[in-house]
């Protein structure tokens, strides 16, 4: 599937940084173009807390926006 914008929410915003939450039935969001529909909202270094596979074996993963060309968004799992 692809991003359902109704399931993407802002949790916090400060100093040009946004913490997002996204929930999905999809088992992965790390596919080419998954977040492209939100390119106008997401910025590099924004964090997205994602609840994945909520209708199967749910898990929660933190992702960071690593690139955004204005039409193409790239994310990666966040590791501290």
Protein backbone atom coordinates (compact mmCIF):
# COMPACT_ATOMS: atom_id res chain seq x y z
CA UNK A 1 0.00 0.00 0.00
CA UNK A 2 0.97 3.62 0.31
CA UNK A 3 0.69 6.41 2.81
CA UNK A 4 -2.78 7.18 4.13
CA UNK A 5 -2.42 10.86 5.04
CA UNK A 6 -5.31 10.62 7.54
CA UNK A 7 -3.09 8.32 9.64
CA UNK A 8 -0.12 10.74 9.80
CA UNK A 9 -0.27 13.11 12.78
CA UNK A 10 1.97 15.73 14.33
CA UNK A 11 2.90 14.95 17.94
CA UNK A 12 5.24 17.89 18.54
CA UNK A 13 6.81 20.76 16.64
CA UNK A 14 9.64 23.05 17.71
CA UNK A 15 12.62 24.83 16.13
CA UNK A 16 11.88 23.54 12.61
CA UNK A 17 11.67 19.94 13.86
CA UNK A 18 8.55 17.78 13.83
CA UNK A 19 7.83 14.55 15.66
CA UNK A 20 5.23 12.56 13.76
CA UNK A 21 3.11 9.49 14.44
CA UNK A 22 1.87 7.14 11.71
CA UNK A 23 -0.18 3.98 12.01
CA UNK A 24 -0.73 1.41 9.26
CA UNK A 25 -1.85 -2.12 8.48
CA UNK A 26 1.17 -2.34 6.13
CA UNK A 27 4.03 -4.57 7.24
CA UNK A 28 6.66 -2.09 6.01
CA UNK A 29 6.92 1.61 5.25
CA UNK A 30 10.49 1.41 3.95
CA UNK A 31 9.51 1.03 0.32
CA UNK A 32 10.32 3.38 -2.50
CA UNK A 33 7.99 6.35 -2.47
CA UNK A 34 5.92 5.33 0.56
CA UNK A 35 5.95 8.82 2.12
CA UNK A 36 6.14 10.81 -1.15
CA UNK A 37 2.57 12.09 -0.75
CA UNK A 38 3.72 13.87 2.43
CA UNK A 39 6.80 15.46 0.85
CA UNK A 40 5.40 18.96 1.36
CA UNK A 41 5.17 18.36 5.13
CA UNK A 42 8.17 16.19 6.03
CA UNK A 43 11.63 17.68 6.49
CA UNK A 44 15.05 16.09 6.72
CA UNK A 45 15.74 15.01 10.32
CA UNK A 46 12.06 14.83 11.27
CA UNK A 47 11.26 11.70 13.28
CA UNK A 48 8.27 9.44 12.60
CA UNK A 49 7.04 6.94 15.18
CA UNK A 50 5.33 4.23 13.14
CA UNK A 51 2.95 1.55 14.39
CA UNK A 52 3.33 -1.14 11.72
CA UNK A 53 1.13 -4.12 10.84
CA UNK A 54 -1.56 -3.08 13.30
CA UNK A 55 -3.94 -5.77 12.03
CA UNK A 56 -1.37 -8.59 12.25
CA UNK A 57 1.78 -8.68 14.35
CA UNK A 58 2.10 -5.06 15.41
CA UNK A 59 5.37 -3.35 16.16
CA UNK A 60 6.60 0.18 16.70
CA UNK A 61 9.63 1.58 14.88
CA UNK A 62 11.20 5.03 14.92
CA UNK A 63 12.23 6.41 11.51
CA UNK A 64 14.16 9.50 10.49
CA UNK A 65 13.64 11.43 7.28
CA UNK A 66 17.02 11.26 5.57
CA UNK A 67 16.18 13.03 2.31
CA UNK A 68 13.39 15.03 0.72
CA UNK A 69 13.64 16.43 -2.80
CA UNK A 70 10.24 18.09 -2.59
CA UNK A 71 8.57 15.15 -4.29
CA UNK A 72 10.56 12.13 -3.09
CA UNK A 73 11.00 11.26 0.61
CA UNK A 74 13.55 8.79 1.96
CA UNK A 75 13.42 7.39 5.49
CA UNK A 76 15.62 5.05 7.51
CA UNK A 77 15.25 3.30 10.85
CA UNK A 78 16.44 5.60 13.60
CA UNK A 79 19.26 4.30 15.75
CA UNK A 80 20.67 6.19 18.69
